[in-house]
Amino acid sequence: MSILSSSSISGDKVVNRNGDSLGEIKDLMIDLESGHVAYAVLEFGGFLGMGSKLFAVPLSALQLDSTNHQFIFDQSKEKLENAPGFDKDNWPNFSDRMWGSDIHAYYGVSPYWN
C-alpha cells in the first residue's frame, strides 16, 4: 500500500509506457463524500506553462512508479491531445457524474463510484 501527500505528488512527471512525457500532475480532486481521490489534474502541452491544457485523469488510470518518482499513464500523446480538457480559468464540474462517466469511458476505466 502506498500513501502519499498531495504536495508530494504535485509536480510529478507523467509518462506513457514508451517513456514519452505526458506532462505533470498539477492537482488532485477529492470526492469528499466517499473520501476517494477521484482525479489527478494533468497539465500537458505548451511551453513554460503557456498554451498548456489541463486534463482530468481518473486516478485509477495512473500507475505509480515510485522508483522514478513518476506516474505511468498507458495512453499515447495523440490520445491525450484529443482528450476533453480545460484551461486554468474554466474548470469542469467534477461532481457531475455524467461528465465523470464520459471521462472514465474515454480512458477505458470504470468510474470509482460503481
PDB file of N, CA and C in Angstrom:
ATOM      1  N   MET A   1       0.847  -1.167   0.000  1.00  0.00           N
ATOM      2  CA  MET A   1       0.000   0.000   0.000  1.00  0.00           C
ATOM      3  C   MET A   1       0.894   1.233   0.000  1.00  0.00           C
ATOM      4  N   SER A   2       0.519   2.227  -0.804  1.00  0.00           N
ATOM      5  CA  SER A   2       1.248   3.485  -0.856  1.00  0.00           C
ATOM      6  C   SER A   2       0.328   4.610  -0.415  1.00  0.00           C
ATOM      7  N   ILE A   3       0.803   5.409   0.501  1.00  0.00           N
ATOM      8  CA  ILE A   3       0.063   6.587   0.936  1.00  0.00           C
ATOM      9  C   ILE A   3       1.001   7.773   0.774  1.00  0.00           C
ATOM     10  N   LEU A   4       0.577   8.738  -0.020  1.00  0.00           N
ATOM     11  CA  LEU A   4       1.403   9.906  -0.308  1.00  0.00           C
ATOM     12  C   LEU A   4       0.616  11.176  -0.034  1.00  0.00           C
ATOM     13  N   SER A   5       1.299  12.232   0.299  1.00  0.00           N
ATOM     14  CA  SER A   5       0.638  13.530   0.461  1.00  0.00           C
ATOM     15  C   SER A   5       0.402  14.139  -0.908  1.00  0.00           C
ATOM     16  N   SER A   6      -0.621  14.979  -1.010  1.00  0.00           N
ATOM     17  CA  SER A   6      -0.902  15.627  -2.297  1.00  0.00           C
ATOM     18  C   SER A   6       0.265  16.514  -2.718  1.00  0.00           C
ATOM     19  N   SER A   7       0.933  17.137  -1.743  1.00  0.00           N
ATOM     20  CA  SER A   7       2.057  18.004  -2.104  1.00  0.00           C
ATOM     21  C   SER A   7       3.241  17.208  -2.645  1.00  0.00           C
ATOM     22  N   SER A   8       3.370  15.936  -2.242  1.00  0.00           N
ATOM     23  CA  SER A   8       4.471  15.135  -2.784  1.00  0.00           C
ATOM     24  C   SER A   8       4.185  14.655  -4.199  1.00  0.00           C
ATOM     25  N   ILE A   9       2.905  14.629  -4.589  1.00  0.00           N
ATOM     26  CA  ILE A   9       2.521  14.189  -5.926  1.00  0.00           C
ATOM     27  C   ILE A   9       2.494  15.364  -6.909  1.00  0.00           C
ATOM     28  N   SER A  10       2.114  16.530  -6.415  1.00  0.00           N
ATOM     29  CA  SER A  10       2.037  17.712  -7.282  1.00  0.00           C
ATOM     30  C   SER A  10       3.402  17.977  -7.912  1.00  0.00           C
ATOM     31  N   GLY A  11       3.407  18.076  -9.234  1.00  0.00           N
ATOM     32  CA  GLY A  11       4.654  18.293  -9.969  1.00  0.00           C
ATOM     33  C   GLY A  11       5.289  17.017 -10.476  1.00  0.00           C
ATOM     34  N   ASP A  12       4.765  15.855 -10.054  1.00  0.00           N
ATOM     35  CA  ASP A  12       5.327  14.595 -10.538  1.00  0.00           C
ATOM     36  C   ASP A  12       5.108  14.458 -12.041  1.00  0.00           C
ATOM     37  N   LYS A  13       6.106  13.896 -12.702  1.00  0.00           N
ATOM     38  CA  LYS A  13       6.009  13.641 -14.137  1.00  0.00           C
ATOM     39  C   LYS A  13       5.030  12.519 -14.406  1.00  0.00           C
ATOM     40  N   VAL A  14       4.405  12.595 -15.580  1.00  0.00           N
ATOM     41  CA  VAL A  14       3.547  11.519 -16.069  1.00  0.00           C
ATOM     42  C   VAL A  14       4.095  11.117 -17.426  1.00  0.00           C
ATOM     43  N   VAL A  15       4.343   9.823 -17.593  1.00  0.00           N
ATOM     44  CA  VAL A  15       4.871   9.292 -18.847  1.00  0.00           C
ATOM     45  C   VAL A  15       3.996   8.131 -19.294  1.00  0.00           C
ATOM     46  N   ASN A  16       4.091   7.797 -20.587  1.00  0.00           N
ATOM     47  CA  ASN A  16       3.394   6.584 -21.037  1.00  0.00           C
ATOM     48  C   ASN A  16       4.383   5.423 -20.997  1.00  0.00           C
ATOM     49  N   ARG A  17       3.927   4.253 -21.399  1.00  0.00           N
ATOM     50  CA  ARG A  17       4.785   3.055 -21.314  1.00  0.00           C
ATOM     51  C   ARG A  17       6.019   3.153 -22.207  1.00  0.00           C
ATOM     52  N   ASN A  18       5.966   4.011 -23.240  1.00  0.00           N
ATOM     53  CA  ASN A  18       7.133   4.210 -24.110  1.00  0.00           C
ATOM     54  C   ASN A  18       8.120   5.206 -23.524  1.00  0.00           C
ATOM     55  N   GLY A  19       7.765   5.816 -22.396  1.00  0.00           N
ATOM     56  CA  GLY A  19       8.632   6.817 -21.778  1.00  0.00           C
ATOM     57  C   GLY A  19       8.387   8.225 -22.279  1.00  0.00           C
ATOM     58  N   ASP A  20       7.389   8.406 -23.165  1.00  0.00           N
ATOM     59  CA  ASP A  20       7.070   9.749 -23.659  1.00  0.00           C
ATOM     60  C   ASP A  20       6.454  10.578 -22.544  1.00  0.00           C
ATOM     61  N   SER A  21       6.897  11.815 -22.405  1.00  0.00           N
ATOM     62  CA  SER A  21       6.353  12.704 -21.389  1.00  0.00           C
ATOM     63  C   SER A  21       4.929  13.104 -21.749  1.00  0.00           C
ATOM     64  N   LEU A  22       4.025  12.967 -20.777  1.00  0.00           N
ATOM     65  CA  LEU A  22       2.636  13.380 -20.960  1.00  0.00           C
ATOM     66  C   LEU A  22       2.288  14.546 -20.048  1.00  0.00           C
ATOM     67  N   GLY A  23       3.284  15.153 -19.447  1.00  0.00           N
ATOM     68  CA  GLY A  23       3.046  16.327 -18.611  1.00  0.00           C
ATOM     69  C   GLY A  23       3.352  16.047 -17.158  1.00  0.00           C
ATOM     70  N   GLU A  24       2.648  16.796 -16.286  1.00  0.00           N
ATOM     71  CA  GLU A  24       2.865  16.627 -14.860  1.00  0.00           C
ATOM     72  C   GLU A  24       1.564  16.833 -14.094  1.00  0.00           C
ATOM     73  N   ILE A  25       1.528  16.268 -12.908  1.00  0.00           N
ATOM     74  CA  ILE A  25       0.368  16.391 -12.031  1.00  0.00           C
ATOM     75  C   ILE A  25       0.355  17.796 -11.441  1.00  0.00           C
ATOM     76  N   LYS A  26      -0.772  18.480 -11.597  1.00  0.00           N
ATOM     77  CA  LYS A  26      -0.915  19.830 -11.049  1.00  0.00           C
ATOM     78  C   LYS A  26      -1.741  19.847  -9.774  1.00  0.00           C
ATOM     79  N   ASP A  27      -2.691  18.920  -9.669  1.00  0.00           N
ATOM     80  CA  ASP A  27      -3.595  18.943  -8.520  1.00  0.00           C
ATOM     81  C   ASP A  27      -4.268  17.585  -8.398  1.00  0.00           C
ATOM     82  N   LEU A  28      -4.915  17.360  -7.282  1.00  0.00           N
ATOM     83  CA  LEU A  28      -5.726  16.168  -7.068  1.00  0.00           C
ATOM     84  C   LEU A  28      -7.130  16.612  -6.701  1.00  0.00           C
ATOM     85  N   MET A  29      -8.119  15.899  -7.194  1.00  0.00           N
ATOM     86  CA  MET A  29      -9.511  16.213  -6.902  1.00  0.00           C
ATOM     87  C   MET A  29     -10.053  15.106  -6.006  1.00  0.00           C
ATOM     88  N   ILE A  30     -10.564  15.484  -4.849  1.00  0.00           N
ATOM     89  CA  ILE A  30     -11.019  14.532  -3.844  1.00  0.00           C
ATOM     90  C   ILE A  30     -12.538  14.565  -3.752  1.00  0.00           C
ATOM     91  N   ASP A  31     -13.141  13.393  -3.809  1.00  0.00           N
ATOM     92  CA  ASP A  31     -14.578  13.249  -3.606  1.00  0.00           C
ATOM     93  C   ASP A  31     -14.786  13.229  -2.094  1.00  0.00           C
ATOM     94  N   LEU A  32     -15.285  14.319  -1.545  1.00  0.00           N
ATOM     95  CA  LEU A  32     -15.401  14.432  -0.099  1.00  0.00           C
ATOM     96  C   LEU A  32     -16.442  13.497   0.496  1.00  0.00           C
ATOM     97  N   GLU A  33     -17.448  13.121  -0.287  1.00  0.00           N
ATOM     98  CA  GLU A  33     -18.470  12.203   0.232  1.00  0.00           C
ATOM     99  C   GLU A  33     -17.909  10.796   0.438  1.00  0.00           C
ATOM    100  N   SER A  34     -17.092  10.336  -0.512  1.00  0.00           N
ATOM    101  CA  SER A  34     -16.576   8.969  -0.418  1.00  0.00           C
ATOM    102  C   SER A  34     -15.155   8.902   0.144  1.00  0.00           C
ATOM    103  N   GLY A  35     -14.447  10.019   0.105  1.00  0.00           N
ATOM    104  CA  GLY A  35     -13.061  10.030   0.548  1.00  0.00           C
ATOM    105  C   GLY A  35     -12.070   9.566  -0.506  1.00  0.00           C
ATOM    106  N   HIS A  36     -12.546   9.284  -1.714  1.00  0.00           N
ATOM    107  CA  HIS A  36     -11.670   8.835  -2.804  1.00  0.00           C
ATOM    108  C   HIS A  36     -10.955  10.022  -3.458  1.00  0.00           C
ATOM    109  N   VAL A  37      -9.702   9.790  -3.833  1.00  0.00           N
ATOM    110  CA  VAL A  37      -9.051  10.723  -4.742  1.00  0.00           C
ATOM    111  C   VAL A  37      -9.587  10.342  -6.114  1.00  0.00           C
ATOM    112  N   ALA A  38     -10.401  11.210  -6.681  1.00  0.00           N
ATOM    113  CA  ALA A  38     -11.132  10.874  -7.893  1.00  0.00           C
ATOM    114  C   ALA A  38     -10.295  11.097  -9.156  1.00  0.00           C
ATOM    115  N   TYR A  39      -9.633  12.233  -9.222  1.00  0.00           N
ATOM    116  CA  TYR A  39      -8.910  12.603 -10.438  1.00  0.00           C
ATOM    117  C   TYR A  39      -7.572  13.239 -10.095  1.00  0.00           C
ATOM    118  N   ALA A  40      -6.631  13.024 -10.976  1.00  0.00           N
ATOM    119  CA  ALA A  40      -5.408  13.805 -10.989  1.00  0.00           C
ATOM    120  C   ALA A  40      -5.586  14.822 -12.106  1.00  0.00           C
ATOM    121  N   VAL A  41      -5.247  16.059 -11.852  1.00  0.00           N
ATOM    122  CA  VAL A  41      -5.299  17.084 -12.890  1.00  0.00           C
ATOM    123  C   VAL A  41      -3.914  17.122 -13.524  1.00  0.00           C
ATOM    124  N   LEU A  42      -3.882  16.793 -14.801  1.00  0.00           N
ATOM    125  CA  LEU A  42      -2.643  16.676 -15.559  1.00  0.00           C
ATOM    126  C   LEU A  42      -2.485  17.891 -16.464  1.00  0.00           C
ATOM    127  N   GLU A  43      -1.316  18.505 -16.425  1.00  0.00           N
ATOM    128  CA  GLU A  43      -1.019  19.619 -17.335  1.00  0.00           C
ATOM    129  C   GLU A  43      -0.133  19.081 -18.447  1.00  0.00           C
ATOM    130  N   PHE A  44      -0.545  19.352 -19.697  1.00  0.00           N
ATOM    131  CA  PHE A  44       0.162  18.809 -20.857  1.00  0.00           C
ATOM    132  C   PHE A  44       0.218  19.868 -21.948  1.00  0.00           C
ATOM    133  N   GLY A  45       1.332  19.911 -22.653  1.00  0.00           N
ATOM    134  CA  GLY A  45       1.479  20.797 -23.808  1.00  0.00           C
ATOM    135  C   GLY A  45       1.980  22.178 -23.418  1.00  0.00           C
ATOM    136  N   GLY A  46       2.099  22.994 -24.406  1.00  0.00           N
ATOM    137  CA  GLY A  46       2.556  24.357 -24.181  1.00  0.00           C
ATOM    138  C   GLY A  46       4.045  24.416 -23.894  1.00  0.00           C
ATOM    139  N   PHE A  47       4.485  25.620 -23.541  1.00  0.00           N
ATOM    140  CA  PHE A  47       5.886  25.856 -23.242  1.00  0.00           C
ATOM    141  C   PHE A  47       5.959  26.765 -22.028  1.00  0.00           C
ATOM    142  N   LEU A  48       6.637  26.311 -20.979  1.00  0.00           N
ATOM    143  CA  LEU A  48       6.756  27.060 -19.728  1.00  0.00           C
ATOM    144  C   LEU A  48       5.397  27.491 -19.188  1.00  0.00           C
ATOM    145  N   GLY A  49       4.419  26.605 -19.289  1.00  0.00           N
ATOM    146  CA  GLY A  49       3.088  26.888 -18.761  1.00  0.00           C
ATOM    147  C   GLY A  49       2.197  27.692 -19.685  1.00  0.00           C
ATOM    148  N   MET A  50       2.725  28.168 -20.803  1.00  0.00           N
ATOM    149  CA  MET A  50       1.938  28.962 -21.748  1.00  0.00           C
ATOM    150  C   MET A  50       1.350  28.030 -22.805  1.00  0.00           C
ATOM    151  N   GLY A  51       0.048  28.121 -23.007  1.00  0.00           N
ATOM    152  CA  GLY A  51      -0.601  27.310 -24.028  1.00  0.00           C
ATOM    153  C   GLY A  51      -0.838  25.874 -23.606  1.00  0.00           C
ATOM    154  N   SER A  52      -0.588  25.582 -22.338  1.00  0.00           N
ATOM    155  CA  SER A  52      -0.815  24.214 -21.875  1.00  0.00           C
ATOM    156  C   SER A  52      -2.311  24.019 -21.617  1.00  0.00           C
ATOM    157  N   LYS A  53      -2.679  22.773 -21.529  1.00  0.00           N
ATOM    158  CA  LYS A  53      -4.062  22.395 -21.304  1.00  0.00           C
ATOM    159  C   LYS A  53      -4.100  21.485 -20.091  1.00  0.00           C
ATOM    160  N   LEU A  54      -5.204  21.515 -19.371  1.00  0.00           N
ATOM    161  CA  LEU A  54      -5.384  20.661 -18.216  1.00  0.00           C
ATOM    162  C   LEU A  54      -6.349  19.530 -18.555  1.00  0.00           C
ATOM    163  N   PHE A  55      -6.116  18.373 -17.944  1.00  0.00           N
ATOM    164  CA  PHE A  55      -6.946  17.199 -18.176  1.00  0.00           C
ATOM    165  C   PHE A  55      -7.253  16.535 -16.845  1.00  0.00           C
ATOM    166  N   ALA A  56      -8.492  16.110 -16.677  1.00  0.00           N
ATOM    167  CA  ALA A  56      -8.863  15.308 -15.517  1.00  0.00           C
ATOM    168  C   ALA A  56      -8.625  13.854 -15.891  1.00  0.00           C
ATOM    169  N   VAL A  57      -7.761  13.211 -15.152  1.00  0.00           N
ATOM    170  CA  VAL A  57      -7.446  11.807 -15.414  1.00  0.00           C
ATOM    171  C   VAL A  57      -7.890  11.007 -14.192  1.00  0.00           C
ATOM    172  N   PRO A  58      -8.755  10.021 -14.390  1.00  0.00           N
ATOM    173  CA  PRO A  58      -9.136   9.187 -13.252  1.00  0.00           C
ATOM    174  C   PRO A  58      -7.889   8.591 -12.607  1.00  0.00           C
ATOM    175  N   LEU A  59      -7.809   8.694 -11.297  1.00  0.00           N
ATOM    176  CA  LEU A  59      -6.621   8.203 -10.613  1.00  0.00           C
ATOM    177  C   LEU A  59      -6.390   6.720 -10.901  1.00  0.00           C
ATOM    178  N   SER A  60      -7.471   5.981 -11.120  1.00  0.00           N
ATOM    179  CA  SER A  60      -7.340   4.549 -11.410  1.00  0.00           C
ATOM    180  C   SER A  60      -6.657   4.273 -12.746  1.00  0.00           C
ATOM    181  N   ALA A  61      -6.527   5.288 -13.606  1.00  0.00           N
ATOM    182  CA  ALA A  61      -5.864   5.120 -14.901  1.00  0.00           C
ATOM    183  C   ALA A  61      -4.354   5.341 -14.800  1.00  0.00           C
ATOM    184  N   LEU A  62      -3.887   5.761 -13.634  1.00  0.00           N
ATOM    185  CA  LEU A  62      -2.463   6.025 -13.428  1.00  0.00           C
ATOM    186  C   LEU A  62      -1.844   4.935 -12.566  1.00  0.00           C
ATOM    187  N   GLN A  63      -0.598   4.624 -12.875  1.00  0.00           N
ATOM    188  CA  GLN A  63       0.152   3.640 -12.092  1.00  0.00           C
ATOM    189  C   GLN A  63       1.369   4.336 -11.509  1.00  0.00           C
ATOM    190  N   LEU A  64       1.552   4.221 -10.211  1.00  0.00           N
ATOM    191  CA  LEU A  64       2.683   4.838  -9.533  1.00  0.00           C
ATOM    192  C   LEU A  64       3.977   4.098  -9.864  1.00  0.00           C
ATOM    193  N   ASP A  65       4.984   4.847 -10.265  1.00  0.00           N
ATOM    194  CA  ASP A  65       6.339   4.333 -10.462  1.00  0.00           C
ATOM    195  C   ASP A  65       7.194   5.018  -9.400  1.00  0.00           C
ATOM    196  N   SER A  66       7.184   4.463  -8.192  1.00  0.00           N
ATOM    197  CA  SER A  66       7.851   5.117  -7.060  1.00  0.00           C
ATOM    198  C   SER A  66       9.366   5.172  -7.231  1.00  0.00           C
ATOM    199  N   THR A  67       9.936   4.223  -7.941  1.00  0.00           N
ATOM    200  CA  THR A  67      11.381   4.213  -8.168  1.00  0.00           C
ATOM    201  C   THR A  67      11.837   5.473  -8.899  1.00  0.00           C
ATOM    202  N   ASN A  68      11.046   5.893  -9.891  1.00  0.00           N
ATOM    203  CA  ASN A  68      11.405   7.064 -10.699  1.00  0.00           C
ATOM    204  C   ASN A  68      10.610   8.305 -10.325  1.00  0.00           C
ATOM    205  N   HIS A  69       9.841   8.237  -9.230  1.00  0.00           N
ATOM    206  CA  HIS A  69       9.041   9.358  -8.738  1.00  0.00           C
ATOM    207  C   HIS A  69       8.194   9.971  -9.858  1.00  0.00           C
ATOM    208  N   GLN A  70       7.404   9.081 -10.496  1.00  0.00           N
ATOM    209  CA  GLN A  70       6.551   9.498 -11.606  1.00  0.00           C
ATOM    210  C   GLN A  70       5.353   8.559 -11.684  1.00  0.00           C
ATOM    211  N   PHE A  71       4.433   8.918 -12.566  1.00  0.00           N
ATOM    212  CA  PHE A  71       3.274   8.073 -12.816  1.00  0.00           C
ATOM    213  C   PHE A  71       3.296   7.605 -14.259  1.00  0.00           C
ATOM    214  N   ILE A  72       2.810   6.394 -14.474  1.00  0.00           N
ATOM    215  CA  ILE A  72       2.684   5.853 -15.828  1.00  0.00           C
ATOM    216  C   ILE A  72       1.216   5.907 -16.202  1.00  0.00           C
ATOM    217  N   PHE A  73       0.953   6.488 -17.351  1.00  0.00           N
ATOM    218  CA  PHE A  73      -0.394   6.636 -17.887  1.00  0.00           C
ATOM    219  C   PHE A  73      -0.384   5.954 -19.242  1.00  0.00           C
ATOM    220  N   ASP A  74      -1.051   4.831 -19.351  1.00  0.00           N
ATOM    221  CA  ASP A  74      -0.968   3.978 -20.538  1.00  0.00           C
ATOM    222  C   ASP A  74      -1.798   4.549 -21.695  1.00  0.00           C
ATOM    223  N   GLN A  75      -1.397   5.726 -22.167  1.00  0.00           N
ATOM    224  CA  GLN A  75      -2.073   6.406 -23.276  1.00  0.00           C
ATOM    225  C   GLN A  75      -1.006   7.028 -24.184  1.00  0.00           C
ATOM    226  N   SER A  76      -1.369   7.232 -25.423  1.00  0.00           N
ATOM    227  CA  SER A  76      -0.450   7.900 -26.350  1.00  0.00           C
ATOM    228  C   SER A  76      -0.600   9.414 -26.219  1.00  0.00           C
ATOM    229  N   LYS A  77       0.411  10.129 -26.704  1.00  0.00           N
ATOM    230  CA  LYS A  77       0.322  11.593 -26.732  1.00  0.00           C
ATOM    231  C   LYS A  77      -0.882  12.038 -27.548  1.00  0.00           C
ATOM    232  N   GLU A  78      -1.146  11.347 -28.659  1.00  0.00           N
ATOM    233  CA  GLU A  78      -2.257  11.701 -29.540  1.00  0.00           C
ATOM    234  C   GLU A  78      -3.598  11.546 -28.827  1.00  0.00           C
ATOM    235  N   LYS A  79      -3.737  10.481 -28.046  1.00  0.00           N
ATOM    236  CA  LYS A  79      -4.982  10.262 -27.288  1.00  0.00           C
ATOM    237  C   LYS A  79      -5.185  11.403 -26.294  1.00  0.00           C
ATOM    238  N   LEU A  80      -4.119  11.805 -25.628  1.00  0.00           N
ATOM    239  CA  LEU A  80      -4.216  12.889 -24.662  1.00  0.00           C
ATOM    240  C   LEU A  80      -4.495  14.218 -25.359  1.00  0.00           C
ATOM    241  N   GLU A  81      -3.841  14.461 -26.479  1.00  0.00           N
ATOM    242  CA  GLU A  81      -4.074  15.711 -27.220  1.00  0.00           C
ATOM    243  C   GLU A  81      -5.532  15.849 -27.649  1.00  0.00           C
ATOM    244  N   ASN A  82      -6.202  14.726 -27.909  1.00  0.00           N
ATOM    245  CA  ASN A  82      -7.593  14.738 -28.351  1.00  0.00           C
ATOM    246  C   ASN A  82      -8.591  14.558 -27.214  1.00  0.00           C
ATOM    247  N   ALA A  83      -8.102  14.434 -26.001  1.00  0.00           N
ATOM    248  CA  ALA A  83      -8.966  14.218 -24.840  1.00  0.00           C
ATOM    249  C   ALA A  83      -9.719  15.500 -24.483  1.00  0.00           C
ATOM    250  N   PRO A  84     -10.875  15.344 -23.825  1.00  0.00           N
ATOM    251  CA  PRO A  84     -11.565  16.528 -23.322  1.00  0.00           C
ATOM    252  C   PRO A  84     -10.723  17.170 -22.229  1.00  0.00           C
ATOM    253  N   GLY A  85     -10.386  18.404 -22.416  1.00  0.00           N
ATOM    254  CA  GLY A  85      -9.559  19.119 -21.454  1.00  0.00           C
ATOM    255  C   GLY A  85     -10.200  20.429 -21.060  1.00  0.00           C
ATOM    256  N   PHE A  86      -9.466  21.217 -20.318  1.00  0.00           N
ATOM    257  CA  PHE A  86      -9.968  22.513 -19.867  1.00  0.00           C
ATOM    258  C   PHE A  86      -8.783  23.430 -19.608  1.00  0.00           C
ATOM    259  N   ASP A  87      -9.057  24.723 -19.438  1.00  0.00           N
ATOM    260  CA  ASP A  87      -7.970  25.649 -19.143  1.00  0.00           C
ATOM    261  C   ASP A  87      -8.051  26.075 -17.677  1.00  0.00           C
ATOM    262  N   LYS A  88      -7.004  26.715 -17.216  1.00  0.00           N
ATOM    263  CA  LYS A  88      -6.884  27.029 -15.785  1.00  0.00           C
ATOM    264  C   LYS A  88      -7.970  27.958 -15.270  1.00  0.00           C
ATOM    265  N   ASP A  89      -8.659  28.665 -16.155  1.00  0.00           N
ATOM    266  CA  ASP A  89      -9.710  29.594 -15.739  1.00  0.00           C
ATOM    267  C   ASP A  89     -11.117  29.038 -15.929  1.00  0.00           C
ATOM    268  N   ASN A  90     -11.240  27.799 -16.407  1.00  0.00           N
ATOM    269  CA  ASN A  90     -12.559  27.247 -16.708  1.00  0.00           C
ATOM    270  C   ASN A  90     -12.590  25.751 -16.393  1.00  0.00           C
ATOM    271  N   TRP A  91     -12.628  25.422 -15.110  1.00  0.00           N
ATOM    272  CA  TRP A  91     -12.600  24.031 -14.682  1.00  0.00           C
ATOM    273  C   TRP A  91     -13.990  23.410 -14.810  1.00  0.00           C
ATOM    274  N   PRO A  92     -14.053  22.123 -15.104  1.00  0.00           N
ATOM    275  CA  PRO A  92     -15.353  21.442 -15.198  1.00  0.00           C
ATOM    276  C   PRO A  92     -15.955  21.219 -13.808  1.00  0.00           C
ATOM    277  N   ASN A  93     -17.193  20.807 -13.787  1.00  0.00           N
ATOM    278  CA  ASN A  93     -17.862  20.433 -12.547  1.00  0.00           C
ATOM    279  C   ASN A  93     -17.504  18.974 -12.259  1.00  0.00           C
ATOM    280  N   PHE A  94     -16.533  18.758 -11.412  1.00  0.00           N
ATOM    281  CA  PHE A  94     -16.036  17.416 -11.130  1.00  0.00           C
ATOM    282  C   PHE A  94     -17.070  16.534 -10.448  1.00  0.00           C
ATOM    283  N   SER A  95     -18.102  17.112  -9.863  1.00  0.00           N
ATOM    284  CA  SER A  95     -19.122  16.305  -9.188  1.00  0.00           C
ATOM    285  C   SER A  95     -20.227  15.848 -10.139  1.00  0.00           C
ATOM    286  N   ASP A  96     -20.190  16.276 -11.392  1.00  0.00           N
ATOM    287  CA  ASP A  96     -21.175  15.863 -12.398  1.00  0.00           C
ATOM    288  C   ASP A  96     -20.857  14.437 -12.841  1.00  0.00           C
ATOM    289  N   ARG A  97     -21.701  13.481 -12.441  1.00  0.00           N
ATOM    290  CA  ARG A  97     -21.443  12.060 -12.738  1.00  0.00           C
ATOM    291  C   ARG A  97     -21.503  11.757 -14.236  1.00  0.00           C
ATOM    292  N   MET A  98     -22.319  12.479 -14.998  1.00  0.00           N
ATOM    293  CA  MET A  98     -22.362  12.244 -16.446  1.00  0.00           C
ATOM    294  C   MET A  98     -21.021  12.639 -17.067  1.00  0.00           C
ATOM    295  N   TRP A  99     -20.528  13.811 -16.697  1.00  0.00           N
ATOM    296  CA  TRP A  99     -19.208  14.258 -17.175  1.00  0.00           C
ATOM    297  C   TRP A  99     -18.145  13.241 -16.746  1.00  0.00           C
ATOM    298  N   GLY A 100     -18.190  12.823 -15.479  1.00  0.00           N
ATOM    299  CA  GLY A 100     -17.218  11.875 -14.969  1.00  0.00           C
ATOM    300  C   GLY A 100     -17.273  10.535 -15.682  1.00  0.00           C
ATOM    301  N   SER A 101     -18.486  10.070 -15.982  1.00  0.00           N
ATOM    302  CA  SER A 101     -18.626   8.802 -16.712  1.00  0.00           C
ATOM    303  C   SER A 101     -17.990   8.901 -18.087  1.00  0.00           C
ATOM    304  N   ASP A 102     -18.172  10.045 -18.756  1.00  0.00           N
ATOM    305  CA  ASP A 102     -17.562  10.252 -20.074  1.00  0.00           C
ATOM    306  C   ASP A 102     -16.035  10.235 -19.981  1.00  0.00           C
ATOM    307  N   ILE A 103     -15.489  10.879 -18.965  1.00  0.00           N
ATOM    308  CA  ILE A 103     -14.030  10.922 -18.785  1.00  0.00           C
ATOM    309  C   ILE A 103     -13.483   9.515 -18.523  1.00  0.00           C
ATOM    310  N   HIS A 104     -14.139   8.786 -17.635  1.00  0.00           N
ATOM    311  CA  HIS A 104     -13.690   7.421 -17.344  1.00  0.00           C
ATOM    312  C   HIS A 104     -13.767   6.542 -18.597  1.00  0.00           C
ATOM    313  N   ALA A 105     -14.852   6.673 -19.351  1.00  0.00           N
ATOM    314  CA  ALA A 105     -15.011   5.879 -20.579  1.00  0.00           C
ATOM    315  C   ALA A 105     -13.925   6.228 -21.592  1.00  0.00           C
ATOM    316  N   TYR A 106     -13.587   7.513 -21.712  1.00  0.00           N
ATOM    317  CA  TYR A 106     -12.570   7.942 -22.677  1.00  0.00           C
ATOM    318  C   TYR A 106     -11.237   7.236 -22.394  1.00  0.00           C
ATOM    319  N   TYR A 107     -10.909   7.085 -21.119  1.00  0.00           N
ATOM    320  CA  TYR A 107      -9.631   6.466 -20.757  1.00  0.00           C
ATOM    321  C   TYR A 107      -9.748   4.964 -20.500  1.00  0.00           C
ATOM    322  N   GLY A 108     -10.955   4.417 -20.659  1.00  0.00           N
ATOM    323  CA  GLY A 108     -11.141   2.966 -20.562  1.00  0.00           C
ATOM    324  C   GLY A 108     -11.063   2.392 -19.154  1.00  0.00           C
ATOM    325  N   VAL A 109     -11.485   3.185 -18.164  1.00  0.00           N
ATOM    326  CA  VAL A 109     -11.526   2.676 -16.789  1.00  0.00           C
ATOM    327  C   VAL A 109     -12.926   2.851 -16.238  1.00  0.00           C
ATOM    328  N   SER A 110     -13.280   2.020 -15.276  1.00  0.00           N
ATOM    329  CA  SER A 110     -14.593   2.098 -14.648  1.00  0.00           C
ATOM    330  C   SER A 110     -14.629   3.239 -13.642  1.00  0.00           C
ATOM    331  N   PRO A 111     -15.747   3.956 -13.568  1.00  0.00           N
ATOM    332  CA  PRO A 111     -15.868   5.014 -12.555  1.00  0.00           C
ATOM    333  C   PRO A 111     -15.704   4.441 -11.142  1.00  0.00           C
ATOM    334  N   TYR A 112     -15.026   5.178 -10.306  1.00  0.00           N
ATOM    335  CA  TYR A 112     -14.761   4.705  -8.947  1.00  0.00           C
ATOM    336  C   TYR A 112     -16.040   4.566  -8.130  1.00  0.00           C
ATOM    337  N   TRP A 113     -17.117   5.221  -8.521  1.00  0.00           N
ATOM    338  CA  TRP A 113     -18.353   5.168  -7.744  1.00  0.00           C
ATOM    339  C   TRP A 113     -19.219   3.951  -8.098  1.00  0.00           C
ATOM    340  N   ASN A 114     -18.810   3.162  -9.102  1.00  0.00           N
ATOM    341  CA  ASN A 114     -19.567   1.942  -9.445  1.00  0.00           C
ATOM    342  C   ASN A 114     -19.129   0.778  -8.595  1.00  0.00           C
TER     343      ASN A 114
END
